[in-house]
């Protein structure tokens, strides 16, 4: 589980893990809580990181300024989320500390 910040090429390499929801959600909810490591200066939309085979749809995520990775939108208890690694550009104006 990691997000590599490639500053020289302005890229993020996102490789998290899959998970199974144990709650029903109707809003954005943090699923990975990081205690250390770099944090973005602004929230970063990570796009669709997980597929849900039961509904044949995907879940998007956001990397928040406090370091948390949150799922955007609804989830149901028992949803199994399968992660696919992704590389995306660092948004303009975002720095890391």
Protein backbone atom coordinates (compact mmCIF):
# COMPACT_ATOMS: atom_id res chain seq x y z
CA UNK A 1 0.00 0.00 0.00
CA UNK A 2 1.61 3.19 -1.16
CA UNK A 3 1.39 6.38 -3.12
CA UNK A 4 4.68 7.31 -4.73
CA UNK A 5 5.11 11.00 -5.47
CA UNK A 6 7.35 11.40 -8.52
CA UNK A 7 8.06 15.13 -8.31
CA UNK A 8 10.50 15.22 -11.24
CA UNK A 9 7.89 13.82 -13.67
CA UNK A 10 4.88 15.35 -11.81
CA UNK A 11 3.24 11.91 -11.40
CA UNK A 12 1.51 9.97 -8.63
CA UNK A 13 1.77 6.18 -8.62
CA UNK A 14 -1.16 4.87 -6.55
CA UNK A 15 -1.01 1.25 -5.39
CA UNK A 16 -3.39 0.64 -2.50
CA UNK A 17 -5.25 -2.51 -1.52
CA UNK A 18 -8.69 -3.90 -1.96
CA UNK A 19 -11.11 -4.08 0.94
CA UNK A 20 -14.58 -5.18 1.93
CA UNK A 21 -16.95 -2.63 3.42
CA UNK A 22 -18.32 -3.49 6.84
CA UNK A 23 -20.72 -0.53 6.97
CA UNK A 24 -23.30 1.16 4.74
CA UNK A 25 -22.28 4.69 3.73
CA UNK A 26 -24.03 7.53 1.97
CA UNK A 27 -21.18 10.05 1.86
CA UNK A 28 -17.40 10.35 1.47
CA UNK A 29 -15.69 8.11 4.03
CA UNK A 30 -11.97 7.68 4.85
CA UNK A 31 -10.86 4.06 4.36
CA UNK A 32 -7.10 4.43 4.79
CA UNK A 33 -5.78 6.57 7.64
CA UNK A 34 -2.10 7.44 7.39
CA UNK A 35 -0.16 8.53 10.49
CA UNK A 36 2.99 9.58 8.61
CA UNK A 37 4.26 10.35 5.14
CA UNK A 38 3.81 13.17 2.69
CA UNK A 39 0.52 15.01 2.46
CA UNK A 40 -0.80 17.08 -0.44
CA UNK A 41 -1.36 20.83 -0.06
CA UNK A 42 -4.84 20.41 -1.59
CA UNK A 43 -7.24 17.48 -1.91
CA UNK A 44 -6.44 15.33 -4.97
CA UNK A 45 -9.11 13.44 -6.89
CA UNK A 46 -7.61 9.99 -7.56
CA UNK A 47 -10.35 8.85 -9.93
CA UNK A 48 -11.74 5.33 -10.03
CA UNK A 49 -9.46 3.10 -7.94
CA UNK A 50 -11.71 0.16 -7.09
CA UNK A 51 -14.14 -2.00 -9.02
CA UNK A 52 -17.10 -3.71 -7.37
CA UNK A 53 -17.84 -7.01 -9.08
CA UNK A 54 -21.26 -7.34 -7.46
CA UNK A 55 -22.61 -4.20 -9.11
CA UNK A 56 -20.27 -4.00 -12.09
CA UNK A 57 -19.32 -0.44 -11.19
CA UNK A 58 -16.40 1.39 -9.58
CA UNK A 59 -15.59 3.64 -6.66
CA UNK A 60 -13.62 6.87 -6.81
CA UNK A 61 -11.28 8.19 -4.15
CA UNK A 62 -9.81 11.43 -2.90
CA UNK A 63 -6.45 11.96 -1.16
CA UNK A 64 -7.13 14.55 1.53
CA UNK A 65 -4.75 17.15 2.94
CA UNK A 66 -4.61 15.29 6.27
CA UNK A 67 -3.24 12.20 4.45
CA UNK A 68 -6.46 10.16 4.50
CA UNK A 69 -7.70 8.30 1.42
CA UNK A 70 -11.49 8.50 1.25
CA UNK A 71 -14.06 6.69 -0.88
CA UNK A 72 -16.49 9.05 -2.60
CA UNK A 73 -20.19 8.25 -2.45
CA UNK A 74 -22.38 5.36 -1.38
CA UNK A 75 -21.27 1.91 -0.27
CA UNK A 76 -23.21 -1.00 1.12
CA UNK A 77 -22.16 -3.34 3.91
CA UNK A 78 -20.44 -6.29 2.23
CA UNK A 79 -19.32 -4.45 -0.94
CA UNK A 80 -16.01 -5.96 -2.06
CA UNK A 81 -13.70 -3.38 -3.64
CA UNK A 82 -10.93 -4.65 -5.93
CA UNK A 83 -8.07 -2.18 -6.48
CA UNK A 84 -6.22 -1.54 -9.72
CA UNK A 85 -2.91 0.39 -9.48
CA UNK A 86 -2.98 3.73 -11.28
CA UNK A 87 -0.59 6.48 -12.41
CA UNK A 88 -1.91 10.02 -12.73
CA UNK A 89 -0.49 13.54 -13.03
CA UNK A 90 0.03 15.73 -10.00
CA UNK A 91 -2.52 18.57 -10.27
CA UNK A 92 -1.13 22.03 -10.98
CA UNK A 93 -0.32 23.99 -7.83
CA UNK A 94 -0.26 20.96 -5.50
CA UNK A 95 2.85 20.55 -3.36
CA UNK A 96 3.77 17.94 -0.76
CA UNK A 97 5.11 18.29 2.77
